[in-house]
Full PDB file with SEQRES, HELIX, SHEET, SSBOND, CRYST1, ORIGX, SCALE, CONECT and MASTER records, all heavy atoms in Angstrom:
SEQRES   1 A   30  SER CYS SER GLY LYS LYS LYS LYS TYR ALA GLU CYS ASP          
SEQRES   2 A   30  TYR ASP THR VAL LYS THR LEU ALA GLU VAL ILE ASN MET          
SEQRES   3 A   30  LYS PRO HIS PRO                                              
HELIX    1 AA1 GLY A    4  ALA A   10  1                                   7    
CRYST1    1.000    1.000    1.000  90.00  90.00  90.00 P 1           1          
ORIGX1      1.000000  0.000000  0.000000        0.00000                         
ORIGX2      0.000000  1.000000  0.000000        0.00000                         
ORIGX3      0.000000  0.000000  1.000000        0.00000                         
SCALE1      1.000000  0.000000  0.000000        0.00000                         
SCALE2      0.000000  1.000000  0.000000        0.00000                         
SCALE3      0.000000  0.000000  1.000000        0.00000                         
ATOM      1  N   SER A   1     -69.619  38.248  -4.943  1.00  0.00           N  
ATOM      2  CA  SER A   1     -68.748  39.352  -5.351  1.00  0.00           C  
ATOM      3  C   SER A   1     -67.593  38.871  -6.214  1.00  0.00           C  
ATOM      4  O   SER A   1     -66.957  39.651  -6.895  1.00  0.00           O  
ATOM      5  CB  SER A   1     -68.222  40.100  -4.126  1.00  0.00           C  
ATOM      6  OG  SER A   1     -67.353  39.271  -3.389  1.00  0.00           O  
ATOM      7  N   CYS A   2     -67.318  37.585  -6.214  1.00  0.00           N  
ATOM      8  CA  CYS A   2     -66.245  37.041  -7.040  1.00  0.00           C  
ATOM      9  C   CYS A   2     -66.777  36.380  -8.310  1.00  0.00           C  
ATOM     10  O   CYS A   2     -66.052  35.681  -9.000  1.00  0.00           O  
ATOM     11  CB  CYS A   2     -65.443  36.011  -6.240  1.00  0.00           C  
ATOM     12  SG  CYS A   2     -64.537  36.742  -4.877  1.00  0.00           S  
ATOM     13  N   SER A   3     -68.034  36.587  -8.615  1.00  0.00           N  
ATOM     14  CA  SER A   3     -68.600  35.947  -9.796  1.00  0.00           C  
ATOM     15  C   SER A   3     -67.972  36.493 -11.074  1.00  0.00           C  
ATOM     16  O   SER A   3     -67.397  37.572 -11.087  1.00  0.00           O  
ATOM     17  CB  SER A   3     -70.116  36.145  -9.839  1.00  0.00           C  
ATOM     18  OG  SER A   3     -70.418  37.492 -10.092  1.00  0.00           O  
ATOM     19  N   GLY A   4     -68.110  35.782 -12.166  1.00  0.00           N  
ATOM     20  CA  GLY A   4     -67.506  36.172 -13.445  1.00  0.00           C  
ATOM     21  C   GLY A   4     -67.943  37.532 -13.927  1.00  0.00           C  
ATOM     22  O   GLY A   4     -67.165  38.289 -14.472  1.00  0.00           O  
ATOM     23  N   LYS A   5     -69.195  37.887 -13.741  1.00  0.00           N  
ATOM     24  CA  LYS A   5     -69.696  39.168 -14.236  1.00  0.00           C  
ATOM     25  C   LYS A   5     -68.952  40.327 -13.590  1.00  0.00           C  
ATOM     26  O   LYS A   5     -68.510  41.249 -14.258  1.00  0.00           O  
ATOM     27  CB  LYS A   5     -71.195  39.291 -13.972  1.00  0.00           C  
ATOM     28  CG  LYS A   5     -71.805  40.556 -14.499  1.00  0.00           C  
ATOM     29  CD  LYS A   5     -73.292  40.597 -14.259  1.00  0.00           C  
ATOM     30  CE  LYS A   5     -73.880  41.870 -14.815  1.00  0.00           C  
ATOM     31  NZ  LYS A   5     -75.289  42.005 -14.511  1.00  0.00           N  
ATOM     32  N   LYS A   6     -68.793  40.289 -12.296  1.00  0.00           N  
ATOM     33  CA  LYS A   6     -68.105  41.371 -11.618  1.00  0.00           C  
ATOM     34  C   LYS A   6     -66.616  41.341 -11.909  1.00  0.00           C  
ATOM     35  O   LYS A   6     -65.976  42.357 -11.965  1.00  0.00           O  
ATOM     36  CB  LYS A   6     -68.390  41.326 -10.128  1.00  0.00           C  
ATOM     37  CG  LYS A   6     -69.846  41.615  -9.847  1.00  0.00           C  
ATOM     38  CD  LYS A   6     -70.124  41.847  -8.424  1.00  0.00           C  
ATOM     39  CE  LYS A   6     -71.606  42.107  -8.261  1.00  0.00           C  
ATOM     40  NZ  LYS A   6     -71.960  42.636  -6.994  1.00  0.00           N  
ATOM     41  N   LYS A   7     -66.062  40.162 -12.091  1.00  0.00           N  
ATOM     42  CA  LYS A   7     -64.659  40.044 -12.428  1.00  0.00           C  
ATOM     43  C   LYS A   7     -64.367  40.718 -13.759  1.00  0.00           C  
ATOM     44  O   LYS A   7     -63.356  41.349 -13.931  1.00  0.00           O  
ATOM     45  CB  LYS A   7     -64.271  38.570 -12.520  1.00  0.00           C  
ATOM     46  CG  LYS A   7     -63.321  38.114 -11.497  1.00  0.00           C  
ATOM     47  CD  LYS A   7     -62.956  36.671 -11.776  1.00  0.00           C  
ATOM     48  CE  LYS A   7     -61.987  36.157 -10.775  1.00  0.00           C  
ATOM     49  NZ  LYS A   7     -61.660  34.780 -10.984  1.00  0.00           N  
ATOM     50  N   LYS A   8     -65.287  40.594 -14.689  1.00  0.00           N  
ATOM     51  CA  LYS A   8     -65.109  41.189 -16.003  1.00  0.00           C  
ATOM     52  C   LYS A   8     -64.848  42.685 -15.877  1.00  0.00           C  
ATOM     53  O   LYS A   8     -63.961  43.224 -16.499  1.00  0.00           O  
ATOM     54  CB  LYS A   8     -66.362  40.954 -16.862  1.00  0.00           C  
ATOM     55  CG  LYS A   8     -66.307  41.590 -18.225  1.00  0.00           C  
ATOM     56  CD  LYS A   8     -67.577  41.322 -18.994  1.00  0.00           C  
ATOM     57  CE  LYS A   8     -67.548  42.009 -20.330  1.00  0.00           C  
ATOM     58  NZ  LYS A   8     -68.797  41.887 -21.052  1.00  0.00           N  
ATOM     59  N   TYR A   9     -65.613  43.360 -15.027  1.00  0.00           N  
ATOM     60  CA  TYR A   9     -65.432  44.793 -14.863  1.00  0.00           C  
ATOM     61  C   TYR A   9     -64.149  45.106 -14.126  1.00  0.00           C  
ATOM     62  O   TYR A   9     -63.530  46.115 -14.375  1.00  0.00           O  
ATOM     63  CB  TYR A   9     -66.644  45.405 -14.152  1.00  0.00           C  
ATOM     64  CG  TYR A   9     -67.884  45.286 -14.985  1.00  0.00           C  
ATOM     65  CD1 TYR A   9     -68.897  44.396 -14.651  1.00  0.00           C  
ATOM     66  CD2 TYR A   9     -68.028  46.040 -16.138  1.00  0.00           C  
ATOM     67  CE1 TYR A   9     -70.028  44.275 -15.428  1.00  0.00           C  
ATOM     68  CE2 TYR A   9     -69.156  45.918 -16.933  1.00  0.00           C  
ATOM     69  CZ  TYR A   9     -70.151  45.040 -16.565  1.00  0.00           C  
ATOM     70  OH  TYR A   9     -71.253  44.922 -17.347  1.00  0.00           O  
ATOM     71  N   ALA A  10     -63.750  44.249 -13.214  1.00  0.00           N  
ATOM     72  CA  ALA A  10     -62.527  44.483 -12.469  1.00  0.00           C  
ATOM     73  C   ALA A  10     -61.307  44.387 -13.379  1.00  0.00           C  
ATOM     74  O   ALA A  10     -60.273  44.954 -13.077  1.00  0.00           O  
ATOM     75  CB  ALA A  10     -62.415  43.494 -11.320  1.00  0.00           C  
ATOM     76  N   GLU A  11     -61.421  43.691 -14.489  1.00  0.00           N  
ATOM     77  CA  GLU A  11     -60.297  43.504 -15.400  1.00  0.00           C  
ATOM     78  C   GLU A  11     -60.196  44.609 -16.454  1.00  0.00           C  
ATOM     79  O   GLU A  11     -59.320  44.573 -17.283  1.00  0.00           O  
ATOM     80  CB  GLU A  11     -60.407  42.151 -16.087  1.00  0.00           C  
ATOM     81  CG  GLU A  11     -60.257  41.003 -15.122  1.00  0.00           C  
ATOM     82  CD  GLU A  11     -60.507  39.662 -15.776  1.00  0.00           C  
ATOM     83  OE1 GLU A  11     -60.773  39.601 -16.981  1.00  0.00           O  
ATOM     84  OE2 GLU A  11     -60.443  38.666 -15.057  1.00  0.00           O  
ATOM     85  N   CYS A  12     -61.078  45.588 -16.432  1.00  0.00           N  
ATOM     86  CA  CYS A  12     -61.058  46.659 -17.410  1.00  0.00           C  
ATOM     87  C   CYS A  12     -60.353  47.876 -16.830  1.00  0.00           C  
ATOM     88  O   CYS A  12     -60.582  48.245 -15.686  1.00  0.00           O  
ATOM     89  CB  CYS A  12     -62.479  47.035 -17.824  1.00  0.00           C  
ATOM     90  SG  CYS A  12     -63.285  45.693 -18.716  1.00  0.00           S  
ATOM     91  N   ASP A  13     -59.485  48.461 -17.645  1.00  0.00           N  
ATOM     92  CA  ASP A  13     -58.757  49.661 -17.229  1.00  0.00           C  
ATOM     93  C   ASP A  13     -59.149  50.819 -18.135  1.00  0.00           C  
ATOM     94  O   ASP A  13     -59.256  50.658 -19.357  1.00  0.00           O  
ATOM     95  CB  ASP A  13     -57.249  49.441 -17.326  1.00  0.00           C  
ATOM     96  CG  ASP A  13     -56.737  48.442 -16.305  1.00  0.00           C  
ATOM     97  OD1 ASP A  13     -57.245  48.448 -15.172  1.00  0.00           O  
ATOM     98  OD2 ASP A  13     -55.820  47.687 -16.648  1.00  0.00           O  
ATOM     99  N   TYR A  14     -59.338  51.973 -17.515  1.00  0.00           N  
ATOM    100  CA  TYR A  14     -59.720  53.181 -18.247  1.00  0.00           C  
ATOM    101  C   TYR A  14     -58.654  54.248 -18.073  1.00  0.00           C  
ATOM    102  O   TYR A  14     -58.090  54.405 -16.997  1.00  0.00           O  
ATOM    103  CB  TYR A  14     -61.065  53.721 -17.734  1.00  0.00           C  
ATOM    104  CG  TYR A  14     -62.226  52.843 -18.100  1.00  0.00           C  
ATOM    105  CD1 TYR A  14     -62.582  51.750 -17.310  1.00  0.00           C  
ATOM    106  CD2 TYR A  14     -62.967  53.091 -19.236  1.00  0.00           C  
ATOM    107  CE1 TYR A  14     -63.640  50.935 -17.663  1.00  0.00           C  
ATOM    108  CE2 TYR A  14     -64.034  52.285 -19.580  1.00  0.00           C  
ATOM    109  CZ  TYR A  14     -64.366  51.208 -18.799  1.00  0.00           C  
ATOM    110  OH  TYR A  14     -65.416  50.410 -19.147  1.00  0.00           O  
ATOM    111  N   ASP A  15     -58.378  54.967 -19.143  1.00  0.00           N  
ATOM    112  CA  ASP A  15     -57.520  56.139 -19.100  1.00  0.00           C  
ATOM    113  C   ASP A  15     -58.443  57.330 -18.873  1.00  0.00           C  
ATOM    114  O   ASP A  15     -59.344  57.576 -19.676  1.00  0.00           O  
ATOM    115  CB  ASP A  15     -56.759  56.283 -20.420  1.00  0.00           C  
ATOM    116  CG  ASP A  15     -55.817  57.465 -20.420  1.00  0.00           C  
ATOM    117  OD1 ASP A  15     -55.415  57.912 -19.330  1.00  0.00           O  
ATOM    118  OD2 ASP A  15     -55.484  57.945 -21.520  1.00  0.00           O  
ATOM    119  N   THR A  16     -58.257  58.042 -17.784  1.00  0.00           N  
ATOM    120  CA  THR A  16     -59.134  59.156 -17.434  1.00  0.00           C  
ATOM    121  C   THR A  16     -58.391  60.468 -17.602  1.00  0.00           C  
ATOM    122  O   THR A  16     -57.272  60.628 -17.102  1.00  0.00           O  
ATOM    123  CB  THR A  16     -59.625  59.013 -15.982  1.00  0.00           C  
ATOM    124  OG1 THR A  16     -60.335  57.771 -15.876  1.00  0.00           O  
ATOM    125  CG2 THR A  16     -60.543  60.138 -15.586  1.00  0.00           C  
ATOM    126  N   VAL A  17     -59.036  61.402 -18.322  1.00  0.00           N  
ATOM    127  CA  VAL A  17     -58.439  62.707 -18.600  1.00  0.00           C  
ATOM    128  C   VAL A  17     -59.410  63.798 -18.182  1.00  0.00           C  
ATOM    129  O   VAL A  17     -60.569  63.790 -18.596  1.00  0.00           O  
ATOM    130  CB  VAL A  17     -58.116  62.858 -20.109  1.00  0.00           C  
ATOM    131  CG1 VAL A  17     -57.560  64.231 -20.416  1.00  0.00           C  
ATOM    132  CG2 VAL A  17     -57.158  61.774 -20.561  1.00  0.00           C  
ATOM    133  N   LYS A  18     -58.946  64.723 -17.352  1.00  0.00           N  
ATOM    134  CA  LYS A  18     -59.725  65.916 -17.024  1.00  0.00           C  
ATOM    135  C   LYS A  18     -59.334  66.987 -18.020  1.00  0.00           C  
ATOM    136  O   LYS A  18     -58.141  67.255 -18.217  1.00  0.00           O  
ATOM    137  CB  LYS A  18     -59.427  66.389 -15.599  1.00  0.00           C  
ATOM    138  CG  LYS A  18     -59.913  65.439 -14.543  1.00  0.00           C  
ATOM    139  CD  LYS A  18     -59.593  65.957 -13.158  1.00  0.00           C  
ATOM    140  CE  LYS A  18     -60.043  64.945 -12.114  1.00  0.00           C  
ATOM    141  NZ  LYS A  18     -59.721  65.392 -10.763  1.00  0.00           N  
ATOM    142  N   THR A  19     -60.322  67.590 -18.658  1.00  0.00           N  
ATOM    143  CA  THR A  19     -60.036  68.553 -19.709  1.00  0.00           C  
ATOM    144  C   THR A  19     -61.139  69.603 -19.792  1.00  0.00           C  
ATOM    145  O   THR A  19     -62.047  69.616 -18.972  1.00  0.00           O  
ATOM    146  CB  THR A  19     -59.864  67.826 -21.068  1.00  0.00           C  
ATOM    147  OG1 THR A  19     -59.429  68.779 -22.046  1.00  0.00           O  
ATOM    148  CG2 THR A  19     -61.130  67.142 -21.518  1.00  0.00           C  
ATOM    149  N   LEU A  20     -61.040  70.460 -20.777  1.00  0.00           N  
ATOM    150  CA  LEU A  20     -62.068  71.455 -21.055  1.00  0.00           C  
ATOM    151  C   LEU A  20     -62.662  71.186 -22.427  1.00  0.00           C  
ATOM    152  O   LEU A  20     -61.971  70.710 -23.339  1.00  0.00           O  
ATOM    153  CB  LEU A  20     -61.479  72.870 -21.042  1.00  0.00           C  
ATOM    154  CG  LEU A  20     -61.008  73.412 -19.699  1.00  0.00           C  
ATOM    155  CD1 LEU A  20     -60.350  74.777 -19.887  1.00  0.00           C  
ATOM    156  CD2 LEU A  20     -62.155  73.514 -18.718  1.00  0.00           C  
ATOM    157  N   ALA A  21     -63.935  71.504 -22.565  1.00  0.00           N  
ATOM    158  CA  ALA A  21     -64.613  71.449 -23.859  1.00  0.00           C  
ATOM    159  C   ALA A  21     -65.184  72.843 -24.093  1.00  0.00           C  
ATOM    160  O   ALA A  21     -65.915  73.371 -23.258  1.00  0.00           O  
ATOM    161  CB  ALA A  21     -65.721  70.410 -23.846  1.00  0.00           C  
ATOM    162  N   GLU A  22     -64.840  73.439 -25.231  1.00  0.00           N  
ATOM    163  CA  GLU A  22     -65.267  74.798 -25.549  1.00  0.00           C  
ATOM    164  C   GLU A  22     -66.290  74.785 -26.680  1.00  0.00           C  
ATOM    165  O   GLU A  22     -66.115  74.084 -27.679  1.00  0.00           O  
ATOM    166  CB  GLU A  22     -64.061  75.637 -25.968  1.00  0.00           C  
ATOM    167  CG  GLU A  22     -64.406  77.061 -26.322  1.00  0.00           C  
ATOM    168  CD  GLU A  22     -63.192  77.891 -26.702  1.00  0.00           C  
ATOM    169  OE1 GLU A  22     -62.063  77.354 -26.701  1.00  0.00           O  
ATOM    170  OE2 GLU A  22     -63.375  79.069 -27.008  1.00  0.00           O  
ATOM    171  N   VAL A  23     -67.350  75.592 -26.530  1.00  0.00           N  
ATOM    172  CA  VAL A  23     -68.347  75.734 -27.592  1.00  0.00           C  
ATOM    173  C   VAL A  23     -67.722  76.576 -28.701  1.00  0.00           C  
ATOM    174  O   VAL A  23     -67.369  77.742 -28.493  1.00  0.00           O  
ATOM    175  CB  VAL A  23     -69.637  76.418 -27.074  1.00  0.00           C  
ATOM    176  CG1 VAL A  23     -70.624  76.618 -28.213  1.00  0.00           C  
ATOM    177  CG2 VAL A  23     -70.264  75.601 -25.951  1.00  0.00           C  
ATOM    178  N   ILE A  24     -67.554  75.954 -29.876  1.00  0.00           N  
ATOM    179  CA  ILE A  24     -66.922  76.681 -30.986  1.00  0.00           C  
ATOM    180  C   ILE A  24     -67.891  76.980 -32.124  1.00  0.00           C  
ATOM    181  O   ILE A  24     -67.562  77.771 -33.009  1.00  0.00           O  
ATOM    182  CB  ILE A  24     -65.688  75.912 -31.533  1.00  0.00           C  
ATOM    183  CG1 ILE A  24     -66.088  74.524 -32.040  1.00  0.00           C  
ATOM    184  CG2 ILE A  24     -64.600  75.835 -30.464  1.00  0.00           C  
ATOM    185  CD1 ILE A  24     -65.003  73.808 -32.813  1.00  0.00           C  
ATOM    186  N   ASN A  25     -69.074  76.368 -32.090  1.00  0.00           N  
ATOM    187  CA  ASN A  25     -70.049  76.616 -33.157  1.00  0.00           C  
ATOM    188  C   ASN A  25     -71.430  76.162 -32.700  1.00  0.00           C  
ATOM    189  O   ASN A  25     -71.554  75.200 -31.946  1.00  0.00           O  
ATOM    190  CB  ASN A  25     -69.644  75.878 -34.437  1.00  0.00           C  
ATOM    191  CG  ASN A  25     -70.365  76.378 -35.660  1.00  0.00           C  
ATOM    192  OD1 ASN A  25     -71.156  77.314 -35.600  1.00  0.00           O  
ATOM    193  ND2 ASN A  25     -70.086  75.757 -36.798  1.00  0.00           N  
ATOM    194  N   MET A  26     -72.433  76.880 -33.156  1.00  0.00           N  
ATOM    195  CA  MET A  26     -73.824  76.474 -32.957  1.00  0.00           C  
ATOM    196  C   MET A  26     -74.516  76.714 -34.286  1.00  0.00           C  
ATOM    197  O   MET A  26     -74.444  77.821 -34.836  1.00  0.00           O  
ATOM    198  CB  MET A  26     -74.490  77.296 -31.848  1.00  0.00           C  
ATOM    199  CG  MET A  26     -73.947  76.969 -30.481  1.00  0.00           C  
ATOM    200  SD  MET A  26     -74.870  77.720 -29.118  1.00  0.00           S  
ATOM    201  CE  MET A  26     -74.305  79.400 -29.191  1.00  0.00           C  
ATOM    202  N   LYS A  27     -75.139  75.660 -34.811  1.00  0.00           N  
ATOM    203  CA  LYS A  27     -75.757  75.746 -36.131  1.00  0.00           C  
ATOM    204  C   LYS A  27     -76.979  74.839 -36.172  1.00  0.00           C  
ATOM    205  O   LYS A  27     -77.136  73.960 -35.316  1.00  0.00           O  
ATOM    206  CB  LYS A  27     -74.748  75.348 -37.202  1.00  0.00           C  
ATOM    207  CG  LYS A  27     -74.192  73.933 -37.037  1.00  0.00           C  
ATOM    208  CD  LYS A  27     -73.082  73.644 -38.018  1.00  0.00           C  
ATOM    209  CE  LYS A  27     -72.549  72.223 -37.803  1.00  0.00           C  
ATOM    210  NZ  LYS A  27     -71.444  71.919 -38.660  1.00  0.00           N  
ATOM    211  N   PRO A  28     -77.849  75.033 -37.162  1.00  0.00           N  
ATOM    212  CA  PRO A  28     -78.990  74.111 -37.294  1.00  0.00           C  
ATOM    213  C   PRO A  28     -78.488  72.670 -37.421  1.00  0.00           C  
ATOM    214  O   PRO A  28     -77.521  72.400 -38.132  1.00  0.00           O  
ATOM    215  CB  PRO A  28     -79.681  74.576 -38.573  1.00  0.00           C  
ATOM    216  CG  PRO A  28     -79.270  76.000 -38.726  1.00  0.00           C  
ATOM    217  CD  PRO A  28     -77.870  76.092 -38.176  1.00  0.00           C  
ATOM    218  N   HIS A  29     -79.134  71.773 -36.702  1.00  0.00           N  
ATOM    219  CA  HIS A  29     -78.758  70.358 -36.737  1.00  0.00           C  
ATOM    220  C   HIS A  29     -79.118  69.789 -38.100  1.00  0.00           C  
ATOM    221  O   HIS A  29     -80.156  70.126 -38.671  1.00  0.00           O  
ATOM    222  CB  HIS A  29     -79.495  69.599 -35.626  1.00  0.00           C  
ATOM    223  CG  HIS A  29     -78.918  68.262 -35.343  1.00  0.00           C  
ATOM    224  ND1 HIS A  29     -79.178  67.163 -36.121  1.00  0.00           N  
ATOM    225  CD2 HIS A  29     -78.081  67.845 -34.367  1.00  0.00           C  
ATOM    226  CE1 HIS A  29     -78.525  66.124 -35.635  1.00  0.00           C  
ATOM    227  NE2 HIS A  29     -77.852  66.515 -34.569  1.00  0.00           N  
ATOM    228  N   PRO A  30     -78.280  68.914 -38.649  1.00  0.00           N  
ATOM    229  CA  PRO A  30     -78.576  68.314 -39.953  1.00  0.00           C  
ATOM    230  C   PRO A  30     -79.929  67.607 -40.013  1.00  0.00           C  
ATOM    231  O   PRO A  30     -80.550  67.517 -41.067  1.00  0.00           O  
ATOM    232  CB  PRO A  30     -77.442  67.315 -40.182  1.00  0.00           C  
ATOM    233  CG  PRO A  30     -76.348  67.735 -39.274  1.00  0.00           C  
ATOM    234  CD  PRO A  30     -76.989  68.466 -38.130  1.00  0.00           C  
TER     235      PRO A  30                                                      
MASTER        0    0    0    1    0    0    0    6  234    1    0    3          
END                                                                             
């Protein structure tokens, strides 16, 4: 559990935001 691979993830910080996403357009995909 103290190996380098797992340590790498423990050293990462994320900014987490709860929000809304609104559908504003629907069109043929390019």
